[in-house]
């Protein structure tokens, strides 16, 4: 456990914060994104969505974050299991709704 630094004032905790949020504030942690609360689950327009994809190398499934706020895109992301580079191809319509997602080997 962290020891308080003498003379350093601890941040005030807001009574409206949940236990998890108050712990984040107290220890200076980044907030955790709760995917169950994401409005993007299932193809909602614009923003961040979470999707389960299967690695084309090791075959394992993992959940990854997709940004559909800026048109269609192609990018490389490493597999969270085997660390191989996966090419993601997102097709997004003019309203920001994900139309298609493909994952390909990058080699």
N, C-alpha and C. Protein backbone atom coordinates (compact mmCIF):
# COMPACT_ATOMS: atom_id res chain seq x y z
N UNK A 1 0.84 -1.19 0.00
CA UNK A 1 0.00 0.00 0.00
C UNK A 1 0.88 1.24 0.00
N UNK A 2 0.47 2.25 -0.74
CA UNK A 2 1.22 3.49 -0.81
C UNK A 2 1.16 4.22 0.52
N UNK A 3 2.30 4.74 0.91
CA UNK A 3 2.34 5.57 2.12
C UNK A 3 2.12 7.02 1.71
N UNK A 4 1.37 7.76 2.52
CA UNK A 4 1.17 9.18 2.19
C UNK A 4 2.47 9.95 2.32
N UNK A 5 2.67 10.89 1.42
CA UNK A 5 3.85 11.76 1.45
C UNK A 5 3.55 12.89 2.41
N UNK A 6 4.44 13.10 3.42
CA UNK A 6 4.18 14.19 4.38
C UNK A 6 4.08 15.53 3.67
N UNK A 7 3.07 16.29 4.01
CA UNK A 7 2.87 17.61 3.43
C UNK A 7 2.08 17.62 2.14
N UNK A 8 1.88 16.45 1.54
CA UNK A 8 1.11 16.37 0.30
C UNK A 8 -0.33 16.06 0.64
N UNK A 9 -1.22 16.88 0.12
CA UNK A 9 -2.63 16.71 0.41
C UNK A 9 -3.25 15.66 -0.51
N UNK A 10 -4.05 14.76 0.06
CA UNK A 10 -4.74 13.75 -0.70
C UNK A 10 -5.93 14.37 -1.43
N UNK A 11 -6.29 13.87 -2.63
CA UNK A 11 -7.42 14.44 -3.36
C UNK A 11 -8.73 14.20 -2.61
N UNK A 12 -9.60 15.19 -2.68
CA UNK A 12 -10.93 15.07 -2.07
C UNK A 12 -11.75 14.09 -2.88
N UNK A 13 -12.47 13.22 -2.21
CA UNK A 13 -13.30 12.25 -2.89
C UNK A 13 -14.73 12.77 -2.97
N UNK A 14 -15.30 12.69 -4.16
CA UNK A 14 -16.67 13.12 -4.41
C UNK A 14 -17.63 12.05 -3.91
N UNK A 15 -18.64 12.45 -3.15
CA UNK A 15 -19.61 11.50 -2.59
C UNK A 15 -20.43 10.82 -3.68
N UNK A 16 -20.49 11.39 -4.89
CA UNK A 16 -21.28 10.82 -5.97
C UNK A 16 -20.54 9.74 -6.77
N UNK A 17 -19.26 9.54 -6.48
CA UNK A 17 -18.48 8.55 -7.21
C UNK A 17 -18.77 7.14 -6.69
N UNK A 18 -18.69 6.17 -7.59
CA UNK A 18 -18.82 4.77 -7.17
C UNK A 18 -17.52 4.37 -6.47
N UNK A 19 -17.52 3.21 -5.84
CA UNK A 19 -16.32 2.73 -5.16
C UNK A 19 -15.15 2.63 -6.13
N UNK A 20 -15.40 2.06 -7.32
CA UNK A 20 -14.33 1.91 -8.30
C UNK A 20 -13.80 3.26 -8.76
N UNK A 21 -14.69 4.21 -8.98
CA UNK A 21 -14.26 5.54 -9.42
C UNK A 21 -13.46 6.25 -8.32
N UNK A 22 -13.88 6.12 -7.07
CA UNK A 22 -13.16 6.79 -5.98
C UNK A 22 -11.77 6.19 -5.82
N UNK A 23 -11.62 4.88 -6.05
CA UNK A 23 -10.30 4.25 -5.99
C UNK A 23 -9.42 4.78 -7.11
N UNK A 24 -10.00 4.93 -8.31
CA UNK A 24 -9.24 5.49 -9.44
C UNK A 24 -8.73 6.88 -9.12
N UNK A 25 -9.60 7.72 -8.56
CA UNK A 25 -9.23 9.09 -8.21
C UNK A 25 -8.16 9.09 -7.12
N UNK A 26 -8.37 8.30 -6.09
CA UNK A 26 -7.46 8.27 -4.95
C UNK A 26 -6.05 7.87 -5.35
N UNK A 27 -5.92 6.88 -6.23
CA UNK A 27 -4.60 6.38 -6.60
C UNK A 27 -4.12 6.89 -7.96
N UNK A 28 -4.88 7.78 -8.58
CA UNK A 28 -4.45 8.36 -9.86
C UNK A 28 -4.46 7.37 -11.00
N UNK A 29 -5.41 6.43 -11.00
CA UNK A 29 -5.48 5.41 -12.03
C UNK A 29 -6.36 5.86 -13.19
N UNK A 30 -6.10 5.29 -14.36
CA UNK A 30 -6.96 5.54 -15.51
C UNK A 30 -8.26 4.76 -15.32
N UNK A 31 -9.38 5.31 -15.73
CA UNK A 31 -10.64 4.58 -15.58
C UNK A 31 -10.68 3.36 -16.49
N UNK A 32 -11.39 2.35 -16.04
CA UNK A 32 -11.58 1.14 -16.83
C UNK A 32 -12.82 1.30 -17.67
N UNK A 33 -12.75 0.91 -18.95
CA UNK A 33 -13.90 0.99 -19.83
C UNK A 33 -14.75 -0.24 -19.62
N UNK A 34 -15.98 -0.06 -19.21
CA UNK A 34 -16.89 -1.18 -19.00
C UNK A 34 -17.61 -1.45 -20.31
N UNK A 35 -17.25 -2.54 -20.97
CA UNK A 35 -17.81 -2.84 -22.27
C UNK A 35 -19.29 -3.18 -22.22
N UNK A 36 -19.79 -3.60 -21.06
CA UNK A 36 -21.21 -3.93 -20.96
C UNK A 36 -22.07 -2.67 -21.00
N UNK A 37 -21.48 -1.51 -20.72
CA UNK A 37 -22.23 -0.26 -20.74
C UNK A 37 -22.07 0.49 -22.05
N UNK A 38 -21.27 -0.04 -22.97
CA UNK A 38 -20.98 0.65 -24.22
C UNK A 38 -22.21 0.72 -25.11
N UNK A 39 -22.51 1.93 -25.55
CA UNK A 39 -23.65 2.11 -26.46
C UNK A 39 -23.33 1.53 -27.83
N UNK A 40 -22.03 1.33 -28.10
CA UNK A 40 -21.62 0.84 -29.40
C UNK A 40 -21.80 -0.66 -29.59
N UNK A 41 -22.09 -1.40 -28.57
CA UNK A 41 -22.26 -2.85 -28.72
C UNK A 41 -23.38 -3.13 -29.70
N UNK A 42 -23.08 -3.88 -30.72
CA UNK A 42 -24.13 -4.30 -31.64
C UNK A 42 -24.36 -3.39 -32.82
N UNK A 43 -23.48 -2.43 -33.08
CA UNK A 43 -23.58 -1.65 -34.30
C UNK A 43 -24.28 -0.30 -34.18
N UNK A 44 -24.25 0.32 -33.03
CA UNK A 44 -24.82 1.66 -32.88
C UNK A 44 -23.96 2.65 -33.65
N UNK A 45 -24.55 3.76 -34.13
CA UNK A 45 -23.79 4.69 -34.94
C UNK A 45 -22.70 5.43 -34.16
N UNK A 46 -21.55 5.61 -34.85
CA UNK A 46 -20.46 6.44 -34.37
C UNK A 46 -19.82 6.02 -33.07
N UNK A 47 -18.56 6.45 -32.87
CA UNK A 47 -17.89 6.24 -31.61
C UNK A 47 -17.16 4.92 -31.48
N UNK A 48 -17.05 4.48 -30.24
CA UNK A 48 -16.28 3.28 -29.91
C UNK A 48 -17.21 2.09 -29.78
N UNK A 49 -16.80 0.98 -30.37
CA UNK A 49 -17.55 -0.27 -30.26
C UNK A 49 -16.57 -1.36 -29.88
N UNK A 50 -17.06 -2.38 -29.21
CA UNK A 50 -16.24 -3.52 -28.84
C UNK A 50 -16.75 -4.74 -29.58
N UNK A 51 -15.82 -5.49 -30.18
CA UNK A 51 -16.19 -6.68 -30.94
C UNK A 51 -15.24 -7.82 -30.61
N UNK A 52 -15.78 -9.01 -30.60
CA UNK A 52 -14.95 -10.20 -30.44
C UNK A 52 -14.49 -10.64 -31.82
N UNK A 53 -13.18 -10.80 -31.98
CA UNK A 53 -12.62 -11.23 -33.26
C UNK A 53 -11.79 -12.48 -33.03
N UNK A 54 -11.56 -13.23 -34.10
CA UNK A 54 -10.74 -14.43 -34.01
C UNK A 54 -9.42 -14.16 -34.72
N UNK A 55 -8.33 -14.49 -34.06
CA UNK A 55 -7.00 -14.29 -34.62
C UNK A 55 -6.80 -15.23 -35.80
N UNK A 56 -6.36 -14.71 -36.96
CA UNK A 56 -6.11 -15.58 -38.12
C UNK A 56 -4.84 -16.43 -37.97
N UNK A 57 -4.04 -16.19 -36.95
CA UNK A 57 -2.83 -16.97 -36.71
C UNK A 57 -3.08 -18.11 -35.73
N UNK A 58 -3.50 -17.76 -34.50
CA UNK A 58 -3.62 -18.77 -33.44
C UNK A 58 -5.04 -19.30 -33.28
N UNK A 59 -6.03 -18.62 -33.89
CA UNK A 59 -7.41 -19.08 -33.83
C UNK A 59 -8.15 -18.70 -32.56
N UNK A 60 -7.46 -18.06 -31.61
CA UNK A 60 -8.11 -17.65 -30.36
C UNK A 60 -8.97 -16.41 -30.58
N UNK A 61 -10.06 -16.31 -29.83
CA UNK A 61 -10.94 -15.14 -29.89
C UNK A 61 -10.58 -14.17 -28.78
N UNK A 62 -10.68 -12.89 -29.08
CA UNK A 62 -10.46 -11.85 -28.07
C UNK A 62 -11.32 -10.64 -28.42
N UNK A 63 -11.58 -9.81 -27.41
CA UNK A 63 -12.39 -8.62 -27.62
C UNK A 63 -11.47 -7.44 -27.87
N UNK A 64 -11.82 -6.64 -28.86
CA UNK A 64 -11.02 -5.47 -29.20
C UNK A 64 -11.92 -4.27 -29.41
N UNK A 65 -11.34 -3.10 -29.28
CA UNK A 65 -12.05 -1.84 -29.42
C UNK A 65 -11.93 -1.34 -30.86
N UNK A 66 -13.06 -0.93 -31.44
CA UNK A 66 -13.08 -0.38 -32.79
C UNK A 66 -13.58 1.06 -32.74
N UNK A 67 -12.93 1.93 -33.50
CA UNK A 67 -13.35 3.33 -33.58
C UNK A 67 -14.07 3.53 -34.90
N UNK A 68 -15.39 3.71 -34.84
CA UNK A 68 -16.18 3.90 -36.06
C UNK A 68 -16.54 5.36 -36.29
N UNK A 69 -15.90 6.26 -35.55
CA UNK A 69 -16.25 7.68 -35.68
C UNK A 69 -15.64 8.34 -36.91
N UNK A 70 -14.69 7.67 -37.57
CA UNK A 70 -14.04 8.30 -38.72
C UNK A 70 -13.97 7.36 -39.92
N UNK A 71 -15.07 7.17 -40.58
CA UNK A 71 -15.14 6.43 -41.85
C UNK A 71 -14.46 5.06 -41.80
N UNK A 72 -14.36 4.46 -42.97
CA UNK A 72 -13.72 3.15 -43.11
C UNK A 72 -12.23 3.28 -42.88
N UNK A 73 -11.60 2.17 -42.44
CA UNK A 73 -10.17 2.23 -42.13
C UNK A 73 -9.53 0.87 -42.27
N UNK A 74 -8.21 0.90 -42.45
CA UNK A 74 -7.37 -0.31 -42.43
C UNK A 74 -6.24 -0.01 -41.47
N UNK A 75 -5.96 -0.94 -40.57
CA UNK A 75 -4.86 -0.75 -39.64
C UNK A 75 -4.38 -2.10 -39.12
N UNK A 76 -3.20 -2.09 -38.50
CA UNK A 76 -2.60 -3.30 -37.94
C UNK A 76 -2.70 -3.22 -36.42
N UNK A 77 -3.13 -4.34 -35.82
CA UNK A 77 -3.19 -4.46 -34.37
C UNK A 77 -2.66 -5.85 -34.02
N UNK A 78 -1.85 -5.94 -32.98
CA UNK A 78 -1.31 -7.24 -32.57
C UNK A 78 -2.37 -8.06 -31.86
N UNK A 79 -2.33 -9.38 -32.08
CA UNK A 79 -3.21 -10.31 -31.38
C UNK A 79 -2.90 -10.22 -29.89
N UNK A 80 -3.93 -10.18 -29.07
CA UNK A 80 -3.74 -10.08 -27.62
C UNK A 80 -3.26 -11.40 -27.02
N UNK A 81 -3.31 -12.49 -27.79
CA UNK A 81 -2.89 -13.79 -27.29
C UNK A 81 -1.49 -14.15 -27.79
N UNK A 82 -1.29 -14.16 -29.13
CA UNK A 82 -0.02 -14.62 -29.70
C UNK A 82 0.88 -13.48 -30.20
N UNK A 83 0.41 -12.25 -30.16
CA UNK A 83 1.19 -11.05 -30.53
C UNK A 83 1.52 -10.94 -32.01
N UNK A 84 0.89 -11.72 -32.87
CA UNK A 84 1.11 -11.62 -34.31
C UNK A 84 0.34 -10.41 -34.85
N UNK A 85 0.85 -9.75 -35.91
CA UNK A 85 0.17 -8.58 -36.47
C UNK A 85 -1.06 -8.96 -37.30
N UNK A 86 -2.20 -8.41 -36.93
CA UNK A 86 -3.45 -8.67 -37.64
C UNK A 86 -3.87 -7.40 -38.37
N UNK A 87 -4.22 -7.55 -39.65
CA UNK A 87 -4.73 -6.40 -40.40
C UNK A 87 -6.25 -6.35 -40.22
N UNK A 88 -6.73 -5.23 -39.70
CA UNK A 88 -8.16 -4.99 -39.51
C UNK A 88 -8.65 -4.11 -40.65
N UNK A 89 -9.77 -4.49 -41.25
CA UNK A 89 -10.42 -3.68 -42.29
C UNK A 89 -11.83 -3.37 -41.82
N UNK A 90 -12.09 -2.10 -41.58
CA UNK A 90 -13.41 -1.65 -41.14
C UNK A 90 -14.11 -0.96 -42.28
N UNK A 91 -15.36 -1.31 -42.51
CA UNK A 91 -16.20 -0.58 -43.46
C UNK A 91 -17.30 0.08 -42.66
N UNK A 92 -17.33 1.41 -42.72
CA UNK A 92 -18.27 2.21 -41.95
C UNK A 92 -19.07 3.07 -42.92
N UNK A 93 -20.39 3.14 -42.73
CA UNK A 93 -21.21 3.95 -43.63
C UNK A 93 -21.14 5.42 -43.23
N UNK A 94 -21.82 6.28 -43.97
CA UNK A 94 -21.77 7.73 -43.75
C UNK A 94 -22.33 8.13 -42.38
N UNK A 95 -23.16 7.29 -41.76
CA UNK A 95 -23.73 7.59 -40.45
C UNK A 95 -22.86 7.06 -39.31
N UNK A 96 -21.76 6.41 -39.63
CA UNK A 96 -20.87 5.88 -38.59
C UNK A 96 -21.25 4.50 -38.10
N UNK A 97 -22.09 3.78 -38.85
CA UNK A 97 -22.48 2.42 -38.47
C UNK A 97 -21.54 1.43 -39.13
N UNK A 98 -21.01 0.51 -38.34
CA UNK A 98 -20.11 -0.51 -38.85
C UNK A 98 -20.87 -1.45 -39.79
N UNK A 99 -20.41 -1.53 -41.03
CA UNK A 99 -21.05 -2.39 -42.03
C UNK A 99 -20.34 -3.73 -42.14
N UNK A 100 -19.00 -3.73 -42.05
CA UNK A 100 -18.23 -4.96 -42.18
C UNK A 100 -16.91 -4.83 -41.45
N UNK A 101 -16.45 -5.96 -40.93
CA UNK A 101 -15.15 -6.03 -40.26
C UNK A 101 -14.48 -7.31 -40.72
N UNK A 102 -13.25 -7.19 -41.20
CA UNK A 102 -12.49 -8.39 -41.57
C UNK A 102 -11.12 -8.32 -40.91
N UNK A 103 -10.61 -9.50 -40.54
CA UNK A 103 -9.28 -9.61 -39.97
C UNK A 103 -8.46 -10.56 -40.84
N UNK A 104 -7.28 -10.12 -41.22
CA UNK A 104 -6.42 -10.88 -42.14
C UNK A 104 -5.02 -11.00 -41.57
N UNK A 105 -4.35 -12.06 -41.99
CA UNK A 105 -2.95 -12.19 -41.64
C UNK A 105 -2.17 -11.05 -42.31
N UNK A 106 -1.20 -10.54 -41.62
CA UNK A 106 -0.44 -9.41 -42.15
C UNK A 106 0.83 -9.83 -42.88
N UNK A 107 1.06 -11.14 -42.99
CA UNK A 107 2.30 -11.60 -43.64
C UNK A 107 2.13 -11.88 -45.12
